[in-house]
Amino acid sequence: MSTKNNNTTGIFCDHGPTLWQTNHSGVLANNRLAVKDVFAVKGERNSAGNPHWFKTAKPAQNTASSVNKLMTAGCNFIGFTHTDELAYSLEGNNIHYGAAQNPKLKGHACGGSSMGSAAAVAANLADIGLGTDTGGSIRIPASYCGLYGIRPSHNVIEKDGLIPLAPPFDTIGWLTQSAELLSDVGNVLLPNQAINNVDTLVICEPLFELVDPVLQAPLKQLLEKTKPNFKHHKEFELPNSSLLSELADSFRVLQGRAIAKTHKDWLQLPGQLPQFAPAIAARFNMALALTDQEEQEALKVQIQWQTLIAKNLNTNSCLFLPTTPTTAPKLGADTSALRMQIITLSAIAGLSGSAQVHLPLADLTNDHPYGFSLMMSHGNDKSLLACVKHLAAHFKQDTPA
């Protein structure tokens, strides 16, 4: 599959299998599957978004179990999709392979790092976009491209055959155009879990202040439309606002330390320094320079958030929260400041190991895709997917024909 076609620039990789199907029946029969180029397929190499990685990679001995499960369920593998380098970006712009233009918003970014998978689904070139989410790499593209996207609870899906970024935070997620298909994929990939009735909506008002002022009113309208679907409404008890301001930096440090431990040897191979985009190179250098002391301080913040989530959420409640502070930025825009604003929101699930789903249900007058997220505590993925499916159906009924 070529990346030279204007419609697929920055979406599909040149390497890997295409139109590969191992089972023509199953619960996901004939759904087109686009797979982020960090998942192993037996006999194939991955680039992880970097030509140097691809050059030095060896063909995989086995296919990742997550891919195997989807193939057994009847999916049609249509191609590997591009990612930001080693998935260490939320931008969706690869200096080696190009940037995928947002199919729902011409001239704007898809977000990253699961950019190719998101663009493939948003452009209706695929039905399911398999990707990863470490710091927001499923949730941000879902928000920008108007898709449903899930970051599952940490470690509920096996990560064998996955090129890691930061193992303590890496999750396998997916993107779809519908809540129904999002849930169907969950039935294939997620373990057996109790499905509880989610009757309580938890609201954290200070989170709304982290969103662009022009989006605060639409977001509150979405909240008001969501509330009637829940029997109870509860405020998220935040002991002090400084905890919000510490989120992004704490996540940056803990993620960076994990990345340094995972990739230090490869990054420091003598005479083989890989070429990275300047912003990504700077992040790797930052990660390598972090100290034990910085990690210990960040861990204290993580423990505080884990305690807060345990106190505020249970098996019958979900948190309503903004997914991104803005709609999709223009392609090539400087997003360095935006990155930390995004992480302030996305780090809540990351630091607590929670499950989060983006719902693309905003109806903005400028046609920019936008929506909101629901989040549940660890291990409640199927309850969350059932809740999302119900809520999406309710929103659909309320939409004028």
Protein backbone atom coordinates (compact mmCIF):
# COMPACT_ATOMS: atom_id res chain seq x y z
CA MET A 1 0.00 0.00 0.00
CA SER A 2 1.55 3.29 -1.08
CA THR A 3 1.76 6.55 0.86
CA LYS A 4 2.13 8.53 -2.37
CA ASN A 5 -1.60 8.92 -2.93
CA ASN A 6 -2.65 12.34 -1.60
CA ASN A 7 -5.59 10.77 0.21
CA THR A 8 -3.37 8.45 2.24
CA THR A 9 -0.27 10.59 2.86
CA GLY A 10 0.86 10.09 6.43
CA ILE A 11 -1.71 7.31 6.99
CA PHE A 12 -0.49 3.94 5.68
CA CYS A 13 3.03 2.52 5.77
CA ASP A 14 4.66 1.03 2.66
CA HIS A 15 5.68 -2.11 4.58
CA GLY A 16 3.56 -4.83 6.14
CA PRO A 17 0.66 -6.99 4.94
CA THR A 18 -2.41 -5.66 3.15
CA LEU A 19 -5.82 -7.26 2.72
CA TRP A 20 -4.75 -10.06 5.05
CA GLN A 21 -7.55 -12.15 6.53
CA THR A 22 -7.28 -15.39 8.49
CA ASN A 23 -10.95 -15.91 9.32
CA HIS A 24 -13.94 -14.84 7.23
CA SER A 25 -16.44 -15.35 10.04
CA GLY A 26 -16.47 -14.16 13.63
CA VAL A 27 -17.99 -11.27 15.58
CA LEU A 28 -15.91 -8.69 13.71
CA ALA A 29 -16.18 -10.35 10.29
CA ASN A 30 -14.90 -8.18 7.42
CA ASN A 31 -14.28 -5.11 9.54
CA ARG A 32 -11.27 -3.35 8.05
CA LEU A 33 -8.45 -3.14 10.56
CA ALA A 34 -5.72 -0.44 10.46
CA VAL A 35 -2.85 -1.17 12.86
CA LYS A 36 -0.38 1.32 14.33
CA ASP A 37 3.15 0.44 13.26
CA VAL A 38 4.23 -0.70 16.73
CA PHE A 39 2.41 -4.07 16.78
CA ALA A 40 4.25 -7.23 15.79
CA VAL A 41 3.04 -9.30 12.84
CA LYS A 42 4.94 -12.54 12.31
CA GLY A 43 7.58 -12.20 9.59
CA GLU A 44 7.22 -8.39 9.36
CA ARG A 45 9.30 -5.49 10.63
CA ASN A 46 8.04 -2.32 12.33
CA SER A 47 9.38 1.21 12.00
CA ALA A 48 7.80 2.67 15.16
CA GLY A 49 7.76 5.88 13.13
CA ASN A 50 11.53 6.02 12.66
CA PRO A 51 13.56 4.78 9.63
CA HIS A 52 16.56 3.94 11.84
CA TRP A 53 14.39 1.67 13.99
CA PHE A 54 13.04 -0.02 10.84
CA LYS A 55 16.55 -0.49 9.43
CA THR A 56 17.82 -2.21 12.57
CA ALA A 57 14.61 -4.17 13.34
CA LYS A 58 14.35 -7.92 12.83
CA PRO A 59 11.22 -9.64 11.50
CA ALA A 60 8.83 -10.54 14.31
CA GLN A 61 8.83 -14.14 15.49
CA ASN A 62 5.17 -13.97 16.55
CA THR A 63 2.11 -11.80 15.99
CA ALA A 64 0.96 -9.67 18.93
CA SER A 65 -1.88 -11.44 20.75
CA SER A 66 -4.10 -8.35 20.46
CA VAL A 67 -3.77 -8.47 16.66
CA ASN A 68 -4.28 -12.23 16.66
CA LYS A 69 -7.54 -11.90 18.59
CA LEU A 70 -8.90 -9.34 16.14
CA MET A 71 -7.89 -11.47 13.18
CA THR A 72 -9.52 -14.56 14.72
CA ALA A 73 -12.68 -12.46 15.18
CA GLY A 74 -12.77 -11.94 11.41
CA CYS A 75 -11.01 -8.61 10.81
CA ASN A 76 -9.41 -7.76 7.47
CA PHE A 77 -5.93 -6.30 8.08
CA ILE A 78 -5.57 -3.47 5.57
CA GLY A 79 -2.21 -2.09 6.62
CA PHE A 80 0.20 -0.71 9.17
CA THR A 81 -0.38 2.97 9.93
CA HIS A 82 2.09 5.75 10.63
CA THR A 83 2.86 6.98 14.11
CA ASP A 84 4.90 9.79 15.61
CA GLU A 85 8.45 8.62 16.31
CA LEU A 86 8.41 5.86 18.94
CA ALA A 87 4.93 7.20 19.81
CA TYR A 88 6.55 10.04 21.80
CA SER A 89 4.29 12.87 20.60
CA LEU A 90 0.68 13.99 20.66
CA GLU A 91 1.04 16.04 17.48
CA GLY A 92 0.53 13.58 14.62
CA ASN A 93 3.32 14.82 12.36
CA ASN A 94 6.22 12.60 11.35
CA ILE A 95 9.23 14.33 9.72
CA HIS A 96 10.15 11.11 7.91
CA TYR A 97 6.75 9.93 6.68
CA GLY A 98 4.56 13.03 6.70
CA ALA A 99 1.55 14.31 8.60
CA ALA A 100 -1.89 12.84 8.09
CA GLN A 101 -4.39 15.60 7.36
CA ASN A 102 -7.52 15.44 9.50
CA PRO A 103 -10.20 13.88 7.25
CA LYS A 104 -12.94 15.67 9.20
CA LEU A 105 -11.26 19.10 9.16
CA LYS A 106 -9.17 20.02 6.14
CA GLY A 107 -5.82 21.63 6.92
CA HIS A 108 -5.86 20.52 10.55
CA ALA A 109 -3.93 17.87 12.46
CA CYS A 110 -5.15 14.42 13.49
CA GLY A 111 -3.26 14.44 16.74
CA GLY A 112 -0.88 11.69 17.75
CA SER A 113 0.70 9.42 18.19
CA SER A 114 -1.91 7.03 16.78
CA MET A 115 -2.40 9.45 13.88
CA GLY A 116 -2.51 7.00 10.98
CA SER A 117 -5.03 4.71 12.66
CA ALA A 118 -7.26 7.69 13.51
CA ALA A 119 -7.02 9.18 10.01
CA ALA A 120 -7.80 5.81 8.40
CA VAL A 121 -11.01 5.43 10.41
CA ALA A 122 -12.03 9.09 10.06
CA ALA A 123 -11.55 8.87 6.27
CA ASN A 124 -13.58 5.63 6.17
CA LEU A 125 -10.56 3.70 4.91
CA ALA A 126 -10.83 1.44 7.96
CA ASP A 127 -13.51 0.47 10.46
CA ILE A 128 -11.22 -0.16 13.43
CA GLY A 129 -8.01 1.73 14.18
CA LEU A 130 -5.77 -0.19 16.57
CA GLY A 131 -3.29 1.97 18.44
CA THR A 132 -1.65 2.70 21.75
CA ASP A 133 -2.22 5.32 24.40
CA THR A 134 0.54 6.23 26.83
CA GLY A 135 -0.10 9.93 27.42
CA GLY A 136 -3.19 10.45 25.26
CA SER A 137 -2.31 8.91 21.90
CA ILE A 138 -5.78 7.43 21.33
CA ARG A 139 -7.86 10.02 23.18
CA ILE A 140 -6.39 13.11 21.48
CA PRO A 141 -6.82 11.80 17.89
CA ALA A 142 -10.34 10.66 18.84
CA SER A 143 -11.19 14.18 19.97
CA TYR A 144 -9.60 15.90 16.96
CA CYS A 145 -11.04 13.48 14.38
CA GLY A 146 -14.54 13.05 15.79
CA LEU A 147 -14.17 9.37 16.71
CA TYR A 148 -14.93 7.10 19.62
CA GLY A 149 -11.67 6.08 21.26
CA ILE A 150 -10.77 4.09 24.36
CA ARG A 151 -7.76 4.02 26.60
CA PRO A 152 -8.43 0.82 28.62
CA SER A 153 -7.43 0.26 32.21
CA HIS A 154 -3.71 -0.34 32.53
CA ASN A 155 -2.56 -3.95 31.98
CA VAL A 156 -6.01 -5.43 31.26
CA ILE A 157 -4.90 -6.22 27.68
CA GLU A 158 -1.70 -8.19 27.14
CA LYS A 159 1.06 -6.07 25.59
CA ASP A 160 3.17 -8.84 24.06
CA GLY A 161 4.45 -7.98 20.59
CA LEU A 162 4.19 -4.26 21.29
CA ILE A 163 7.08 -1.82 20.88
CA PRO A 164 6.99 -0.03 24.24
CA LEU A 165 7.29 3.66 24.98
CA ALA A 166 6.83 3.84 28.75
CA PRO A 167 5.60 0.44 30.05
CA PRO A 168 4.09 1.74 33.32
CA PHE A 169 1.67 3.83 31.21
CA ASP A 170 1.41 2.05 27.84
CA THR A 171 -2.06 0.76 26.95
CA ILE A 172 -3.56 -0.81 23.81
CA GLY A 173 -6.56 1.17 22.58
CA TRP A 174 -8.77 1.50 19.51
CA LEU A 175 -10.81 4.01 17.51
CA THR A 176 -14.13 3.59 15.70
CA GLN A 177 -16.92 5.66 14.16
CA SER A 178 -19.57 4.15 16.45
CA ALA A 179 -20.02 3.29 20.11
CA GLU A 180 -21.43 -0.10 19.10
CA LEU A 181 -18.28 -1.15 17.25
CA LEU A 182 -16.08 0.28 20.03
CA SER A 183 -17.89 -2.06 22.41
CA ASP A 184 -17.73 -5.04 20.02
CA VAL A 185 -13.95 -4.70 19.81
CA GLY A 186 -13.85 -4.54 23.61
CA ASN A 187 -15.67 -7.87 23.79
CA VAL A 188 -12.83 -9.39 21.75
CA LEU A 189 -9.84 -7.75 23.44
CA LEU A 190 -10.90 -7.23 27.05
CA PRO A 191 -10.95 -9.98 29.69
CA ASN A 192 -14.16 -11.14 31.36
CA GLN A 193 -15.41 -8.36 33.62
CA ALA A 194 -18.61 -7.74 35.53
CA ILE A 195 -20.83 -5.22 33.72
CA ASN A 196 -22.29 -2.91 36.34
CA ASN A 197 -25.06 -0.36 36.00
CA VAL A 198 -23.35 3.03 35.93
CA ASP A 199 -25.90 5.28 37.63
CA THR A 200 -23.72 8.07 39.04
CA LEU A 201 -22.10 10.89 37.11
CA VAL A 202 -19.17 12.53 38.85
CA ILE A 203 -18.32 16.13 37.92
CA CYS A 204 -15.11 18.04 38.59
CA GLU A 205 -15.87 21.71 37.84
CA PRO A 206 -12.21 22.92 37.97
CA LEU A 207 -11.45 20.74 34.92
CA PHE A 208 -13.68 22.97 32.79
CA GLU A 209 -11.34 25.88 33.49
CA LEU A 210 -8.55 24.01 31.68
CA VAL A 211 -10.45 24.24 28.39
CA ASP A 212 -10.30 27.03 25.80
CA PRO A 213 -12.90 29.66 26.84
CA VAL A 214 -14.83 29.29 23.56
CA LEU A 215 -15.37 25.58 24.31
CA GLN A 216 -16.50 25.94 27.92
CA ALA A 217 -20.14 26.72 27.08
CA PRO A 218 -20.50 23.84 24.55
CA LEU A 219 -18.86 21.48 27.06
CA LYS A 220 -21.31 22.50 29.79
CA GLN A 221 -24.20 21.98 27.35
CA LEU A 222 -22.91 18.45 26.77
CA LEU A 223 -22.80 17.94 30.52
CA GLU A 224 -26.41 19.10 30.92
CA LYS A 225 -27.47 16.76 28.11
CA THR A 226 -25.58 13.90 29.76
CA LYS A 227 -26.91 14.36 33.29
CA PRO A 228 -30.47 12.99 32.73
CA ASN A 229 -28.98 9.60 31.83
CA PHE A 230 -27.70 9.16 35.39
CA LYS A 231 -29.74 8.73 38.54
CA HIS A 232 -27.18 10.46 40.75
CA HIS A 233 -24.80 13.40 40.27
CA LYS A 234 -21.83 13.94 42.52
CA GLU A 235 -19.06 16.50 42.80
CA PHE A 236 -15.48 15.26 42.57
CA GLU A 237 -13.87 16.23 45.85
CA LEU A 238 -10.60 17.97 45.02
CA PRO A 239 -8.76 18.92 48.24
CA ASN A 240 -6.84 21.75 46.56
CA SER A 241 -6.47 23.19 43.06
CA SER A 242 -2.66 22.86 43.16
CA LEU A 243 -3.09 19.14 42.51
CA LEU A 244 -4.32 19.97 39.01
CA SER A 245 -1.31 22.17 38.31
CA GLU A 246 1.04 19.34 39.31
CA LEU A 247 -0.52 16.74 37.02
CA ALA A 248 1.30 17.46 33.77
CA ASP A 249 4.79 17.80 35.21
CA SER A 250 4.43 14.70 37.38
CA PHE A 251 3.32 12.67 34.38
CA ARG A 252 6.13 14.14 32.25
CA VAL A 253 8.72 13.02 34.81
CA LEU A 254 7.32 9.52 35.43
CA GLN A 255 6.80 8.86 31.73
CA GLY A 256 10.25 10.25 30.93
CA ARG A 257 11.96 8.05 33.52
CA ALA A 258 10.20 4.98 32.13
CA ILE A 259 11.19 5.91 28.57
CA ALA A 260 14.82 6.40 29.61
CA LYS A 261 14.91 2.99 31.27
CA THR A 262 13.28 1.34 28.25
CA HIS A 263 15.20 2.95 25.39
CA LYS A 264 18.46 4.23 26.91
CA ASP A 265 20.67 1.57 25.28
CA TRP A 266 19.15 2.09 21.83
CA LEU A 267 19.30 5.88 22.09
CA GLN A 268 22.97 5.78 23.07
CA LEU A 269 24.29 3.25 20.55
CA PRO A 270 27.73 4.58 19.53
CA GLY A 271 27.83 5.90 15.99
CA GLN A 272 24.18 5.05 15.38
CA LEU A 273 22.33 8.06 16.80
CA PRO A 274 18.86 8.04 15.26
CA GLN A 275 17.53 11.19 13.60
CA PHE A 276 14.47 12.58 15.37
CA ALA A 277 12.24 15.58 14.90
CA PRO A 278 13.73 18.41 17.05
CA ALA A 279 10.87 18.40 19.59
CA ILE A 280 11.05 14.61 20.01
CA ALA A 281 14.86 14.66 20.27
CA ALA A 282 14.54 17.29 23.01
CA ARG A 283 12.06 15.06 24.86
CA PHE A 284 14.41 12.08 24.74
CA ASN A 285 17.27 14.24 26.04
CA MET A 286 15.01 15.52 28.82
CA ALA A 287 14.03 11.96 29.73
CA LEU A 288 17.66 10.84 29.93
CA ALA A 289 18.50 13.78 32.22
CA LEU A 290 15.75 13.20 34.81
CA THR A 291 16.87 12.32 38.33
CA ASP A 292 15.80 9.86 41.03
CA GLN A 293 14.74 12.80 43.19
CA GLU A 294 12.43 14.17 40.48
CA GLU A 295 10.91 10.72 40.10
CA GLN A 296 10.28 10.40 43.83
CA GLU A 297 8.51 13.78 43.97
CA ALA A 298 6.36 12.87 40.97
CA LEU A 299 5.44 9.53 42.55
CA LYS A 300 3.99 11.42 45.54
CA VAL A 301 1.62 13.27 43.21
CA GLN A 302 0.68 10.02 41.48
CA ILE A 303 -0.22 8.40 44.80
CA GLN A 304 -2.38 11.42 45.69
CA TRP A 305 -4.31 11.04 42.43
CA GLN A 306 -4.69 7.30 42.84
CA THR A 307 -6.15 7.94 46.31
CA LEU A 308 -8.48 10.63 44.94
CA ILE A 309 -9.81 8.41 42.16
CA ALA A 310 -10.39 5.55 44.60
CA LYS A 311 -12.29 7.94 46.89
CA ASN A 312 -14.44 9.53 44.18
CA LEU A 313 -15.16 6.66 41.77
CA ASN A 314 -16.57 3.17 42.26
CA THR A 315 -17.99 0.39 40.10
CA ASN A 316 -21.22 2.35 39.53
CA SER A 317 -19.84 5.83 38.80
CA CYS A 318 -17.99 7.59 36.02
CA LEU A 319 -16.24 10.95 35.76
CA PHE A 320 -17.28 13.47 33.10
CA LEU A 321 -14.20 15.33 31.84
CA PRO A 322 -12.90 17.27 28.84
CA THR A 323 -10.69 15.16 26.57
CA THR A 324 -8.70 18.02 25.02
CA PRO A 325 -8.47 21.74 25.83
CA THR A 326 -8.94 22.73 22.17
CA THR A 327 -10.22 21.36 18.88
CA ALA A 328 -7.68 20.17 16.30
CA PRO A 329 -4.88 22.70 15.68
CA LYS A 330 -3.85 23.57 12.15
CA LEU A 331 -1.22 21.36 10.50
CA GLY A 332 2.25 22.66 11.27
CA ALA A 333 1.11 24.91 14.14
CA ASP A 334 3.41 25.24 17.15
CA THR A 335 1.81 22.94 19.73
CA SER A 336 4.61 22.97 22.32
CA ALA A 337 2.54 24.91 24.88
CA LEU A 338 -0.60 22.95 24.06
CA ARG A 339 1.15 19.65 24.83
CA MET A 340 1.35 20.30 28.57
CA GLN A 341 -2.25 21.59 28.64
CA ILE A 342 -3.38 18.35 27.04
CA ILE A 343 -1.36 16.22 29.47
CA THR A 344 -2.97 17.99 32.44
CA LEU A 345 -6.25 16.42 31.30
CA SER A 346 -4.96 13.11 29.96
CA ALA A 347 -2.69 12.36 32.94
CA ILE A 348 -5.64 11.73 35.28
CA ALA A 349 -6.33 8.35 33.66
CA GLY A 350 -2.63 7.70 33.09
CA LEU A 351 -1.54 8.23 36.68
CA SER A 352 -4.48 6.28 38.11
CA GLY A 353 -4.54 3.43 35.56
CA SER A 354 -8.20 4.18 34.81
CA ALA A 355 -10.28 3.46 31.71
CA GLN A 356 -11.34 6.46 29.60
CA VAL A 357 -13.49 6.78 26.48
CA HIS A 358 -13.86 9.83 24.23
CA LEU A 359 -17.36 10.46 22.86
CA PRO A 360 -17.44 12.70 19.74
CA LEU A 361 -20.84 14.18 20.54
CA ALA A 362 -20.32 17.96 20.40
CA ASP A 363 -22.19 19.91 17.74
CA LEU A 364 -20.05 23.01 17.21
CA THR A 365 -21.18 25.72 14.80
CA ASN A 366 -17.76 25.74 13.06
CA ASP A 367 -17.95 21.97 12.39
CA HIS A 368 -14.76 21.28 14.34
CA PRO A 369 -14.97 17.78 15.85
CA TYR A 370 -15.16 17.87 19.65
CA GLY A 371 -16.74 15.98 22.50
CA PHE A 372 -15.99 14.80 26.03
CA SER A 373 -14.77 11.78 27.96
CA LEU A 374 -16.16 9.43 30.55
CA MET A 375 -13.69 7.73 32.88
CA MET A 376 -14.08 4.80 35.26
CA SER A 377 -11.69 3.33 37.81
CA HIS A 378 -9.42 0.43 36.93
CA GLY A 379 -11.04 -2.79 35.76
CA ASN A 380 -14.43 -1.32 34.83
CA ASP A 381 -13.78 -1.16 31.08
CA LYS A 382 -16.81 -3.16 29.97
CA SER A 383 -19.13 -1.25 32.30
CA LEU A 384 -17.78 1.96 30.78
CA LEU A 385 -18.27 0.72 27.21
CA ALA A 386 -21.86 -0.30 28.00
CA CYS A 387 -22.50 3.13 29.53
CA VAL A 388 -21.01 4.88 26.46
CA LYS A 389 -23.09 2.76 24.11
CA HIS A 390 -26.28 3.68 26.00
CA LEU A 391 -25.38 7.37 26.13
CA ALA A 392 -24.50 7.54 22.43
CA ALA A 393 -27.88 6.01 21.55
CA HIS A 394 -29.61 8.61 23.73
CA PHE A 395 -27.76 11.48 22.04
CA LYS A 396 -28.64 10.03 18.62
CA GLN A 397 -32.35 9.94 19.51
CA ASP A 398 -32.22 13.59 20.57
CA THR A 399 -30.54 14.75 17.34
CA PRO A 400 -33.01 16.27 14.84
CA ALA A 401 -33.22 14.37 11.57
